[in-house]
PDB file of N, CA and C in Angstrom:
ATOM      1  N   UNK A   1      61.271  55.380 -72.483  1.00  0.00           N
ATOM      2  CA  UNK A   1      61.855  54.790 -71.297  1.00  0.00           C
ATOM      3  C   UNK A   1      62.947  53.795 -71.665  1.00  0.00           C
ATOM      4  N   UNK A   2      62.793  53.108 -72.814  1.00  0.00           N
ATOM      5  CA  UNK A   2      63.820  52.159 -73.229  1.00  0.00           C
ATOM      6  C   UNK A   2      65.142  52.864 -73.479  1.00  0.00           C
ATOM      7  N   UNK A   3      65.083  54.108 -73.973  1.00  0.00           N
ATOM      8  CA  UNK A   3      66.315  54.866 -74.213  1.00  0.00           C
ATOM      9  C   UNK A   3      67.042  55.142 -72.911  1.00  0.00           C
ATOM     10  N   UNK A   4      66.293  55.458 -71.887  1.00  0.00           N
ATOM     11  CA  UNK A   4      66.905  55.739 -70.590  1.00  0.00           C
ATOM     12  C   UNK A   4      67.608  54.492 -70.071  1.00  0.00           C
ATOM     13  N   UNK A   5      66.973  53.336 -70.228  1.00  0.00           N
ATOM     14  CA  UNK A   5      67.594  52.079 -69.797  1.00  0.00           C
ATOM     15  C   UNK A   5      68.862  51.815 -70.607  1.00  0.00           C
ATOM     16  N   UNK A   6      68.797  52.059 -71.911  1.00  0.00           N
ATOM     17  CA  UNK A   6      69.955  51.835 -72.773  1.00  0.00           C
ATOM     18  C   UNK A   6      71.102  52.764 -72.380  1.00  0.00           C
ATOM     19  N   UNK A   7      70.811  54.035 -72.180  1.00  0.00           N
ATOM     20  CA  UNK A   7      71.847  54.998 -71.804  1.00  0.00           C
ATOM     21  C   UNK A   7      72.408  54.638 -70.433  1.00  0.00           C
ATOM     22  N   UNK A   8      71.552  54.225 -69.514  1.00  0.00           N
ATOM     23  CA  UNK A   8      72.028  53.820 -68.187  1.00  0.00           C
ATOM     24  C   UNK A   8      72.963  52.623 -68.300  1.00  0.00           C
ATOM     25  N   UNK A   9      72.615  51.677 -69.174  1.00  0.00           N
ATOM     26  CA  UNK A   9      73.468  50.510 -69.382  1.00  0.00           C
ATOM     27  C   UNK A   9      74.817  50.926 -69.951  1.00  0.00           C
ATOM     28  N   UNK A  10      74.802  51.780 -70.961  1.00  0.00           N
ATOM     29  CA  UNK A  10      76.047  52.235 -71.585  1.00  0.00           C
ATOM     30  C   UNK A  10      76.898  53.000 -70.577  1.00  0.00           C
ATOM     31  N   UNK A  11      76.270  53.875 -69.803  1.00  0.00           N
ATOM     32  CA  UNK A  11      77.013  54.654 -68.813  1.00  0.00           C
ATOM     33  C   UNK A  11      77.604  53.754 -67.737  1.00  0.00           C
ATOM     34  N   UNK A  12      76.831  52.778 -67.277  1.00  0.00           N
ATOM     35  CA  UNK A  12      77.331  51.845 -66.263  1.00  0.00           C
ATOM     36  C   UNK A  12      78.499  51.046 -66.800  1.00  0.00           C
ATOM     37  N   UNK A  13      78.379  50.580 -68.035  1.00  0.00           N
ATOM     38  CA  UNK A  13      79.459  49.827 -68.661  1.00  0.00           C
ATOM     39  C   UNK A  13      80.716  50.679 -68.764  1.00  0.00           C
ATOM     40  N   UNK A  14      80.554  51.942 -69.141  1.00  0.00           N
ATOM     41  CA  UNK A  14      81.710  52.834 -69.261  1.00  0.00           C
ATOM     42  C   UNK A  14      82.375  53.067 -67.911  1.00  0.00           C
ATOM     43  N   UNK A  15      81.571  53.232 -66.871  1.00  0.00           N
ATOM     44  CA  UNK A  15      82.119  53.459 -65.529  1.00  0.00           C
ATOM     45  C   UNK A  15      82.879  52.229 -65.053  1.00  0.00           C
ATOM     46  N   UNK A  16      82.276  51.056 -65.224  1.00  0.00           N
ATOM     47  CA  UNK A  16      82.932  49.821 -64.788  1.00  0.00           C
ATOM     48  C   UNK A  16      84.202  49.588 -65.587  1.00  0.00           C
ATOM     49  N   UNK A  17      84.162  49.812 -66.907  1.00  0.00           N
ATOM     50  CA  UNK A  17      85.352  49.631 -67.739  1.00  0.00           C
ATOM     51  C   UNK A  17      86.447  50.615 -67.335  1.00  0.00           C
ATOM     52  N   UNK A  18      86.058  51.829 -67.034  1.00  0.00           N
ATOM     53  CA  UNK A  18      87.033  52.825 -66.597  1.00  0.00           C
ATOM     54  C   UNK A  18      87.662  52.445 -65.272  1.00  0.00           C
ATOM     55  N   UNK A  19      86.841  51.937 -64.362  1.00  0.00           N
ATOM     56  CA  UNK A  19      87.364  51.508 -63.065  1.00  0.00           C
ATOM     57  C   UNK A  19      88.302  50.320 -63.233  1.00  0.00           C
ATOM     58  N   UNK A  20      87.927  49.399 -64.119  1.00  0.00           N
ATOM     59  CA  UNK A  20      88.786  48.246 -64.366  1.00  0.00           C
ATOM     60  C   UNK A  20      90.113  48.705 -64.951  1.00  0.00           C
ATOM     61  N   UNK A  21      90.054  49.596 -65.926  1.00  0.00           N
ATOM     62  CA  UNK A  21      91.283  50.080 -66.560  1.00  0.00           C
ATOM     63  C   UNK A  21      92.175  50.772 -65.540  1.00  0.00           C
ATOM     64  N   UNK A  22      91.569  51.540 -64.653  1.00  0.00           N
ATOM     65  CA  UNK A  22      92.354  52.247 -63.647  1.00  0.00           C
ATOM     66  C   UNK A  22      92.956  51.263 -62.647  1.00  0.00           C
ATOM     67  N   UNK A  23      92.177  50.262 -62.238  1.00  0.00           N
ATOM     68  CA  UNK A  23      92.696  49.296 -61.273  1.00  0.00           C
ATOM     69  C   UNK A  23      93.757  48.401 -61.901  1.00  0.00           C
ATOM     70  N   UNK A  24      93.691  48.213 -63.225  1.00  0.00           N
ATOM     71  CA  UNK A  24      94.671  47.381 -63.914  1.00  0.00           C
ATOM     72  C   UNK A  24      95.849  48.211 -64.422  1.00  0.00           C
ATOM     73  N   UNK A  25      95.870  49.492 -64.057  1.00  0.00           N
ATOM     74  CA  UNK A  25      96.922  50.415 -64.494  1.00  0.00           C
ATOM     75  C   UNK A  25      97.015  50.512 -66.013  1.00  0.00           C
ATOM     76  N   UNK A  26      95.871  50.469 -66.682  1.00  0.00           N
ATOM     77  CA  UNK A  26      95.830  50.646 -68.129  1.00  0.00           C
ATOM     78  C   UNK A  26      95.726  52.135 -68.395  1.00  0.00           C
ATOM     79  N   UNK A  27      96.643  52.664 -69.152  1.00  0.00           N
ATOM     80  CA  UNK A  27      96.650  54.089 -69.444  1.00  0.00           C
ATOM     81  C   UNK A  27      96.246  54.318 -70.899  1.00  0.00           C
ATOM     82  N   UNK A  28      95.439  55.331 -71.183  1.00  0.00           N
ATOM     83  CA  UNK A  28      95.101  55.629 -72.570  1.00  0.00           C
ATOM     84  C   UNK A  28      96.340  56.123 -73.305  1.00  0.00           C
ATOM     85  N   UNK A  29      96.327  55.931 -74.640  1.00  0.00           N
ATOM     86  CA  UNK A  29      97.475  56.353 -75.436  1.00  0.00           C
ATOM     87  C   UNK A  29      97.707  57.851 -75.341  1.00  0.00           C
ATOM     88  N   UNK A  30      96.636  58.620 -75.336  1.00  0.00           N
ATOM     89  CA  UNK A  30      96.760  60.063 -75.173  1.00  0.00           C
ATOM     90  C   UNK A  30      95.499  60.586 -74.522  1.00  0.00           C
ATOM     91  N   UNK A  31      95.636  61.664 -73.799  1.00  0.00           N
ATOM     92  CA  UNK A  31      94.480  62.246 -73.126  1.00  0.00           C
ATOM     93  C   UNK A  31      93.554  62.884 -74.154  1.00  0.00           C
ATOM     94  N   UNK A  32      92.225  62.756 -73.977  1.00  0.00           N
ATOM     95  CA  UNK A  32      91.311  63.375 -74.928  1.00  0.00           C
ATOM     96  C   UNK A  32      91.413  64.897 -74.855  1.00  0.00           C
ATOM     97  N   UNK A  33      91.309  65.513 -75.991  1.00  0.00           N
ATOM     98  CA  UNK A  33      91.385  66.970 -76.024  1.00  0.00           C
ATOM     99  C   UNK A  33      90.047  67.555 -75.605  1.00  0.00           C
ATOM    100  N   UNK A  34      90.039  68.827 -75.286  1.00  0.00           N
ATOM    101  CA  UNK A  34      88.807  69.505 -74.874  1.00  0.00           C
ATOM    102  C   UNK A  34      87.786  69.493 -76.003  1.00  0.00           C
ATOM    103  N   UNK A  35      88.250  69.583 -77.250  1.00  0.00           N
ATOM    104  CA  UNK A  35      87.309  69.575 -78.375  1.00  0.00           C
ATOM    105  C   UNK A  35      86.706  68.200 -78.585  1.00  0.00           C
ATOM    106  N   UNK A  36      87.433  67.135 -78.249  1.00  0.00           N
ATOM    107  CA  UNK A  36      86.894  65.790 -78.392  1.00  0.00           C
ATOM    108  C   UNK A  36      85.829  65.524 -77.326  1.00  0.00           C
ATOM    109  N   UNK A  37      85.929  66.133 -76.188  1.00  0.00           N
ATOM    110  CA  UNK A  37      84.979  65.909 -75.104  1.00  0.00           C
ATOM    111  C   UNK A  37      83.672  66.674 -75.337  1.00  0.00           C
ATOM    112  N   UNK A  38      83.736  67.817 -75.986  1.00  0.00           N
ATOM    113  CA  UNK A  38      82.548  68.648 -76.163  1.00  0.00           C
ATOM    114  C   UNK A  38      81.406  67.927 -76.875  1.00  0.00           C
ATOM    115  N   UNK A  39      81.637  67.182 -77.961  1.00  0.00           N
ATOM    116  CA  UNK A  39      80.518  66.480 -78.593  1.00  0.00           C
ATOM    117  C   UNK A  39      79.859  65.455 -77.666  1.00  0.00           C
ATOM    118  N   UNK A  40      80.650  64.767 -76.833  1.00  0.00           N
ATOM    119  CA  UNK A  40      80.073  63.803 -75.897  1.00  0.00           C
ATOM    120  C   UNK A  40      79.220  64.513 -74.854  1.00  0.00           C
ATOM    121  N   UNK A  41      79.660  65.696 -74.437  1.00  0.00           N
ATOM    122  CA  UNK A  41      78.883  66.471 -73.463  1.00  0.00           C
ATOM    123  C   UNK A  41      77.528  66.866 -74.038  1.00  0.00           C
ATOM    124  N   UNK A  42      77.446  66.977 -75.339  1.00  0.00           N
ATOM    125  CA  UNK A  42      76.187  67.332 -75.986  1.00  0.00           C
ATOM    126  C   UNK A  42      75.356  66.102 -76.328  1.00  0.00           C
ATOM    127  N   UNK A  43      76.026  64.981 -76.623  1.00  0.00           N
ATOM    128  CA  UNK A  43      75.320  63.780 -77.068  1.00  0.00           C
ATOM    129  C   UNK A  43      74.432  63.178 -75.992  1.00  0.00           C
ATOM    130  N   UNK A  44      74.968  62.984 -74.796  1.00  0.00           N
ATOM    131  CA  UNK A  44      74.215  62.292 -73.748  1.00  0.00           C
ATOM    132  C   UNK A  44      72.920  63.029 -73.389  1.00  0.00           C
ATOM    133  N   UNK A  45      72.961  64.361 -73.135  1.00  0.00           N
ATOM    134  CA  UNK A  45      71.687  65.045 -72.848  1.00  0.00           C
ATOM    135  C   UNK A  45      70.703  64.957 -74.019  1.00  0.00           C
ATOM    136  N   UNK A  46      71.231  65.009 -75.236  1.00  0.00           N
ATOM    137  CA  UNK A  46      70.359  64.911 -76.407  1.00  0.00           C
ATOM    138  C   UNK A  46      69.692  63.540 -76.459  1.00  0.00           C
ATOM    139  N   UNK A  47      70.443  62.480 -76.168  1.00  0.00           N
ATOM    140  CA  UNK A  47      69.871  61.139 -76.172  1.00  0.00           C
ATOM    141  C   UNK A  47      68.847  60.951 -75.058  1.00  0.00           C
ATOM    142  N   UNK A  48      69.086  61.590 -73.924  1.00  0.00           N
ATOM    143  CA  UNK A  48      68.185  61.453 -72.793  1.00  0.00           C
ATOM    144  C   UNK A  48      66.921  62.296 -72.925  1.00  0.00           C
ATOM    145  N   UNK A  49      66.923  63.263 -73.829  1.00  0.00           N
ATOM    146  CA  UNK A  49      65.757  64.118 -74.027  1.00  0.00           C
ATOM    147  C   UNK A  49      64.679  63.309 -74.739  1.00  0.00           C
ATOM    148  N   UNK A  50      63.672  62.888 -73.982  1.00  0.00           N
ATOM    149  CA  UNK A  50      62.637  62.015 -74.526  1.00  0.00           C
ATOM    150  C   UNK A  50      61.729  62.712 -75.540  1.00  0.00           C
ATOM    151  N   UNK A  51      61.822  64.029 -75.666  1.00  0.00           N
ATOM    152  CA  UNK A  51      60.981  64.736 -76.621  1.00  0.00           C
ATOM    153  C   UNK A  51      61.616  64.818 -78.007  1.00  0.00           C
ATOM    154  N   UNK A  52      62.826  64.320 -78.156  1.00  0.00           N
ATOM    155  CA  UNK A  52      63.505  64.352 -79.447  1.00  0.00           C
ATOM    156  C   UNK A  52      62.873  63.340 -80.399  1.00  0.00           C
ATOM    157  N   UNK A  53      63.270  63.401 -81.675  1.00  0.00           N
ATOM    158  CA  UNK A  53      62.672  62.553 -82.698  1.00  0.00           C
ATOM    159  C   UNK A  53      63.062  61.079 -82.584  1.00  0.00           C
ATOM    160  N   UNK A  54      63.888  60.695 -81.646  1.00  0.00           N
ATOM    161  CA  UNK A  54      64.298  59.303 -81.504  1.00  0.00           C
ATOM    162  C   UNK A  54      63.242  58.442 -80.814  1.00  0.00           C
ATOM    163  N   UNK A  55      62.199  59.054 -80.342  1.00  0.00           N
ATOM    164  CA  UNK A  55      61.178  58.330 -79.586  1.00  0.00           C
ATOM    165  C   UNK A  55      60.617  57.149 -80.373  1.00  0.00           C
ATOM    166  N   UNK A  56      60.499  57.253 -81.676  1.00  0.00           N
ATOM    167  CA  UNK A  56      59.892  56.197 -82.481  1.00  0.00           C
ATOM    168  C   UNK A  56      60.839  55.088 -82.889  1.00  0.00           C
ATOM    169  N   UNK A  57      62.110  55.172 -82.536  1.00  0.00           N
ATOM    170  CA  UNK A  57      63.074  54.154 -82.934  1.00  0.00           C
ATOM    171  C   UNK A  57      63.050  53.021 -81.909  1.00  0.00           C
ATOM    172  N   UNK A  58      62.726  51.798 -82.359  1.00  0.00           N
ATOM    173  CA  UNK A  58      62.661  50.674 -81.416  1.00  0.00           C
ATOM    174  C   UNK A  58      64.032  50.337 -80.833  1.00  0.00           C
ATOM    175  N   UNK A  59      64.054  50.002 -79.553  1.00  0.00           N
ATOM    176  CA  UNK A  59      65.291  49.640 -78.858  1.00  0.00           C
ATOM    177  C   UNK A  59      65.995  48.484 -79.564  1.00  0.00           C
ATOM    178  N   UNK A  60      65.226  47.487 -80.012  1.00  0.00           N
ATOM    179  CA  UNK A  60      65.825  46.328 -80.677  1.00  0.00           C
ATOM    180  C   UNK A  60      66.543  46.742 -81.956  1.00  0.00           C
ATOM    181  N   UNK A  61      66.029  47.741 -82.648  1.00  0.00           N
ATOM    182  CA  UNK A  61      66.664  48.228 -83.876  1.00  0.00           C
ATOM    183  C   UNK A  61      67.973  48.959 -83.558  1.00  0.00           C
ATOM    184  N   UNK A  62      67.973  49.752 -82.514  1.00  0.00           N
ATOM    185  CA  UNK A  62      69.189  50.447 -82.101  1.00  0.00           C
ATOM    186  C   UNK A  62      70.259  49.437 -81.726  1.00  0.00           C
ATOM    187  N   UNK A  63      69.875  48.425 -80.960  1.00  0.00           N
ATOM    188  CA  UNK A  63      70.822  47.392 -80.547  1.00  0.00           C
ATOM    189  C   UNK A  63      71.398  46.675 -81.755  1.00  0.00           C
ATOM    190  N   UNK A  64      70.541  46.295 -82.710  1.00  0.00           N
ATOM    191  CA  UNK A  64      71.022  45.599 -83.898  1.00  0.00           C
ATOM    192  C   UNK A  64      71.951  46.490 -84.717  1.00  0.00           C
ATOM    193  N   UNK A  65      71.580  47.751 -84.892  1.00  0.00           N
ATOM    194  CA  UNK A  65      72.396  48.665 -85.694  1.00  0.00           C
ATOM    195  C   UNK A  65      73.738  48.973 -85.049  1.00  0.00           C
ATOM    196  N   UNK A  66      73.809  48.970 -83.730  1.00  0.00           N
ATOM    197  CA  UNK A  66      75.064  49.300 -83.062  1.00  0.00           C
ATOM    198  C   UNK A  66      75.939  48.091 -82.775  1.00  0.00           C
ATOM    199  N   UNK A  67      75.322  46.896 -82.666  1.00  0.00           N
ATOM    200  CA  UNK A  67      76.096  45.718 -82.294  1.00  0.00           C
ATOM    201  C   UNK A  67      76.054  44.592 -83.318  1.00  0.00           C
ATOM    202  N   UNK A  68      75.060  44.622 -84.192  1.00  0.00           N
ATOM    203  CA  UNK A  68      74.878  43.522 -85.134  1.00  0.00           C
ATOM    204  C   UNK A  68      74.183  42.329 -84.502  1.00  0.00           C
ATOM    205  N   UNK A  69      73.745  42.474 -83.252  1.00  0.00           N
ATOM    206  CA  UNK A  69      73.080  41.382 -82.524  1.00  0.00           C
ATOM    207  C   UNK A  69      71.591  41.660 -82.439  1.00  0.00           C
ATOM    208  N   UNK A  70      70.790  40.633 -82.685  1.00  0.00           N
ATOM    209  CA  UNK A  70      69.340  40.778 -82.598  1.00  0.00           C
ATOM    210  C   UNK A  70      68.869  40.642 -81.158  1.00  0.00           C
ATOM    211  N   UNK A  71      67.864  41.418 -80.806  1.00  0.00           N
ATOM    212  CA  UNK A  71      67.226  41.316 -79.502  1.00  0.00           C
ATOM    213  C   UNK A  71      66.058  40.347 -79.658  1.00  0.00           C
ATOM    214  N   UNK A  72      66.090  39.284 -78.870  1.00  0.00           N
ATOM    215  CA  UNK A  72      65.033  38.287 -78.921  1.00  0.00           C
ATOM    216  C   UNK A  72      63.915  38.737 -77.989  1.00  0.00           C
ATOM    217  N   UNK A  73      62.670  38.731 -78.462  1.00  0.00           N
ATOM    218  CA  UNK A  73      61.558  39.150 -77.598  1.00  0.00           C
ATOM    219  C   UNK A  73      61.468  38.270 -76.351  1.00  0.00           C
ATOM    220  N   UNK A  74      61.123  38.893 -75.236  1.00  0.00           N
ATOM    221  CA  UNK A  74      60.980  38.197 -73.959  1.00  0.00           C
ATOM    222  C   UNK A  74      59.515  37.907 -73.710  1.00  0.00           C
ATOM    223  N   UNK A  75      59.213  36.646 -73.385  1.00  0.00           N
ATOM    224  CA  UNK A  75      57.850  36.239 -73.067  1.00  0.00           C
ATOM    225  C   UNK A  75      57.823  35.793 -71.609  1.00  0.00           C
ATOM    226  N   UNK A  76      57.217  36.589 -70.756  1.00  0.00           N
ATOM    227  CA  UNK A  76      57.196  36.312 -69.320  1.00  0.00           C
ATOM    228  C   UNK A  76      56.468  35.016 -68.984  1.00  0.00           C
ATOM    229  N   UNK A  77      55.665  34.491 -69.897  1.00  0.00           N
ATOM    230  CA  UNK A  77      54.944  33.241 -69.642  1.00  0.00           C
ATOM    231  C   UNK A  77      55.742  32.013 -70.077  1.00  0.00           C
ATOM    232  N   UNK A  78      56.842  32.224 -70.809  1.00  0.00           N
ATOM    233  CA  UNK A  78      57.659  31.127 -71.309  1.00  0.00           C
ATOM    234  C   UNK A  78      58.634  30.676 -70.225  1.00  0.00           C
ATOM    235  N   UNK A  79      58.659  29.357 -69.950  1.00  0.00           N
ATOM    236  CA  UNK A  79      59.504  28.822 -68.876  1.00  0.00           C
ATOM    237  C   UNK A  79      60.986  29.074 -69.136  1.00  0.00           C
ATOM    238  N   UNK A  80      61.428  28.950 -70.380  1.00  0.00           N
ATOM    239  CA  UNK A  80      62.837  29.189 -70.710  1.00  0.00           C
ATOM    240  C   UNK A  80      63.191  30.649 -70.484  1.00  0.00           C
ATOM    241  N   UNK A  81      62.330  31.551 -70.924  1.00  0.00           N
ATOM    242  CA  UNK A  81      62.577  32.980 -70.715  1.00  0.00           C
ATOM    243  C   UNK A  81      62.607  33.323 -69.227  1.00  0.00           C
ATOM    244  N   UNK A  82      61.746  32.700 -68.437  1.00  0.00           N
ATOM    245  CA  UNK A  82      61.738  32.929 -66.996  1.00  0.00           C
ATOM    246  C   UNK A  82      63.055  32.473 -66.370  1.00  0.00           C
ATOM    247  N   UNK A  83      63.568  31.316 -66.824  1.00  0.00           N
ATOM    248  CA  UNK A  83      64.833  30.800 -66.310  1.00  0.00           C
ATOM    249  C   UNK A  83      65.982  31.737 -66.669  1.00  0.00           C
ATOM    250  N   UNK A  84      65.985  32.235 -67.899  1.00  0.00           N
ATOM    251  CA  UNK A  84      67.028  33.168 -68.334  1.00  0.00           C
ATOM    252  C   UNK A  84      66.952  34.451 -67.518  1.00  0.00           C
ATOM    253  N   UNK A  85      65.742  34.946 -67.299  1.00  0.00           N
ATOM    254  CA  UNK A  85      65.552  36.170 -66.514  1.00  0.00           C
ATOM    255  C   UNK A  85      66.080  36.002 -65.093  1.00  0.00           C
ATOM    256  N   UNK A  86      65.795  34.857 -64.484  1.00  0.00           N
ATOM    257  CA  UNK A  86      66.273  34.599 -63.123  1.00  0.00           C
ATOM    258  C   UNK A  86      67.795  34.508 -63.087  1.00  0.00           C
ATOM    259  N   UNK A  87      68.395  33.901 -64.113  1.00  0.00           N
ATOM    260  CA  UNK A  87      69.861  33.781 -64.159  1.00  0.00           C
ATOM    261  C   UNK A  87      70.507  35.154 -64.332  1.00  0.00           C
ATOM    262  N   UNK A  88      69.936  35.989 -65.187  1.00  0.00           N
ATOM    263  CA  UNK A  88      70.462  37.343 -65.378  1.00  0.00           C
ATOM    264  C   UNK A  88      70.320  38.138 -64.087  1.00  0.00           C
ATOM    265  N   UNK A  89      69.182  38.018 -63.436  1.00  0.00           N
ATOM    266  CA  UNK A  89      68.953  38.724 -62.176  1.00  0.00           C
ATOM    267  C   UNK A  89      69.952  38.289 -61.109  1.00  0.00           C
ATOM    268  N   UNK A  90      70.205  36.987 -61.024  1.00  0.00           N
ATOM    269  CA  UNK A  90      71.162  36.473 -60.034  1.00  0.00           C
ATOM    270  C   UNK A  90      72.571  36.989 -60.342  1.00  0.00           C
ATOM    271  N   UNK A  91      72.942  37.017 -61.623  1.00  0.00           N
ATOM    272  CA  UNK A  91      74.268  37.514 -62.006  1.00  0.00           C
ATOM    273  C   UNK A  91      74.400  38.998 -61.667  1.00  0.00           C
ATOM    274  N   UNK A  92      73.345  39.778 -61.905  1.00  0.00           N
ATOM    275  CA  UNK A  92      73.375  41.209 -61.572  1.00  0.00           C
ATOM    276  C   UNK A  92      73.484  41.407 -60.061  1.00  0.00           C
ATOM    277  N   UNK A  93      72.749  40.607 -59.304  1.00  0.00           N
ATOM    278  CA  UNK A  93      72.822  40.706 -57.839  1.00  0.00           C
ATOM    279  C   UNK A  93      74.235  40.391 -57.352  1.00  0.00           C
ATOM    280  N   UNK A  94      74.845  39.353 -57.928  1.00  0.00           N
ATOM    281  CA  UNK A  94      76.207  38.989 -57.532  1.00  0.00           C
ATOM    282  C   UNK A  94      77.196  40.086 -57.901  1.00  0.00           C
ATOM    283  N   UNK A  95      77.027  40.665 -59.095  1.00  0.00           N
ATOM    284  CA  UNK A  95      77.913  41.754 -59.511  1.00  0.00           C
ATOM    285  C   UNK A  95      77.784  42.947 -58.568  1.00  0.00           C
ATOM    286  N   UNK A  96      76.572  43.288 -58.173  1.00  0.00           N
ATOM    287  CA  UNK A  96      76.358  44.403 -57.259  1.00  0.00           C
ATOM    288  C   UNK A  96      76.991  44.114 -55.895  1.00  0.00           C
ATOM    289  N   UNK A  97      76.867  42.866 -55.438  1.00  0.00           N
ATOM    290  CA  UNK A  97      77.488  42.484 -54.166  1.00  0.00           C
ATOM    291  C   UNK A  97      78.997  42.674 -54.234  1.00  0.00           C
ATOM    292  N   UNK A  98      79.584  42.209 -55.320  1.00  0.00           N
ATOM    293  CA  UNK A  98      81.034  42.321 -55.473  1.00  0.00           C
ATOM    294  C   UNK A  98      81.474  43.781 -55.570  1.00  0.00           C
ATOM    295  N   UNK A  99      80.735  44.574 -56.333  1.00  0.00           N
ATOM    296  CA  UNK A  99      81.096  45.984 -56.501  1.00  0.00           C
ATOM    297  C   UNK A  99      80.914  46.772 -55.208  1.00  0.00           C
ATOM    298  N   UNK A 100      79.955  46.377 -54.385  1.00  0.00           N
ATOM    299  CA  UNK A 100      79.694  47.087 -53.134  1.00  0.00           C
ATOM    300  C   UNK A 100      80.553  46.601 -51.974  1.00  0.00           C
ATOM    301  N   UNK A 101      81.304  45.531 -52.174  1.00  0.00           N
ATOM    302  CA  UNK A 101      82.164  45.008 -51.108  1.00  0.00           C
ATOM    303  C   UNK A 101      83.244  46.033 -50.767  1.00  0.00           C
ATOM    304  N   UNK A 102      83.587  46.176 -49.497  1.00  0.00           N
ATOM    305  CA  UNK A 102      84.590  47.173 -49.082  1.00  0.00           C
ATOM    306  C   UNK A 102      85.946  46.979 -49.759  1.00  0.00           C
ATOM    307  N   UNK A 103      86.305  45.723 -50.101  1.00  0.00           N
ATOM    308  CA  UNK A 103      87.599  45.471 -50.721  1.00  0.00           C
ATOM    309  C   UNK A 103      87.555  45.500 -52.250  1.00  0.00           C
ATOM    310  N   UNK A 104      86.441  45.899 -52.819  1.00  0.00           N
ATOM    311  CA  UNK A 104      86.308  45.971 -54.270  1.00  0.00           C
ATOM    312  C   UNK A 104      87.142  47.144 -54.813  1.00  0.00           C
ATOM    313  N   UNK A 105      87.788  46.924 -55.956  1.00  0.00           N
ATOM    314  CA  UNK A 105      88.611  47.962 -56.570  1.00  0.00           C
ATOM    315  C   UNK A 105      87.788  49.205 -56.912  1.00  0.00           C
ATOM    316  N   UNK A 106      86.516  49.016 -57.209  1.00  0.00           N
ATOM    317  CA  UNK A 106      85.661  50.141 -57.588  1.00  0.00           C
ATOM    318  C   UNK A 106      85.454  51.102 -56.422  1.00  0.00           C
ATOM    319  N   UNK A 107      85.601  50.631 -55.192  1.00  0.00           N
ATOM    320  CA  UNK A 107      85.418  51.469 -54.019  1.00  0.00           C
ATOM    321  C   UNK A 107      86.535  52.499 -53.870  1.00  0.00           C
ATOM    322  N   UNK A 108      87.644  52.283 -54.562  1.00  0.00           N
ATOM    323  CA  UNK A 108      88.774  53.198 -54.460  1.00  0.00           C
ATOM    324  C   UNK A 108      88.884  54.157 -55.640  1.00  0.00           C
ATOM    325  N   UNK A 109      87.901  54.166 -56.508  1.00  0.00           N
ATOM    326  CA  UNK A 109      87.914  55.049 -57.669  1.00  0.00           C
ATOM    327  C   UNK A 109      87.348  56.411 -57.262  1.00  0.00           C
ATOM    328  N   UNK A 110      88.079  57.469 -57.602  1.00  0.00           N
ATOM    329  CA  UNK A 110      87.618  58.817 -57.278  1.00  0.00           C
ATOM    330  C   UNK A 110      86.479  59.230 -58.163  1.00  0.00           C
TER     331      UNK A 110
END
């Protein structure tokens, strides 16, 4: 299930970044070729297939290997962790409000 959350996060980030680039009139240097797209078309379903051998790889290890940043364990009983969780939740709620607003640039993306 952690893989699904990770892939959802990556996909959401890519969509938002793409929408931002389009709204800011940022153009890629060159269009991706059909052969460059084919591996990505195969990668995402493979990552989402929970029966693959990646099941035993901890999410924190994937994050560290891809970003160099450590994932700090969350303790729901810790007051500081609860405060951080509430702040992240509030930021996500605000982002969703902004993205869902009728005048948001993301609303005009095809």
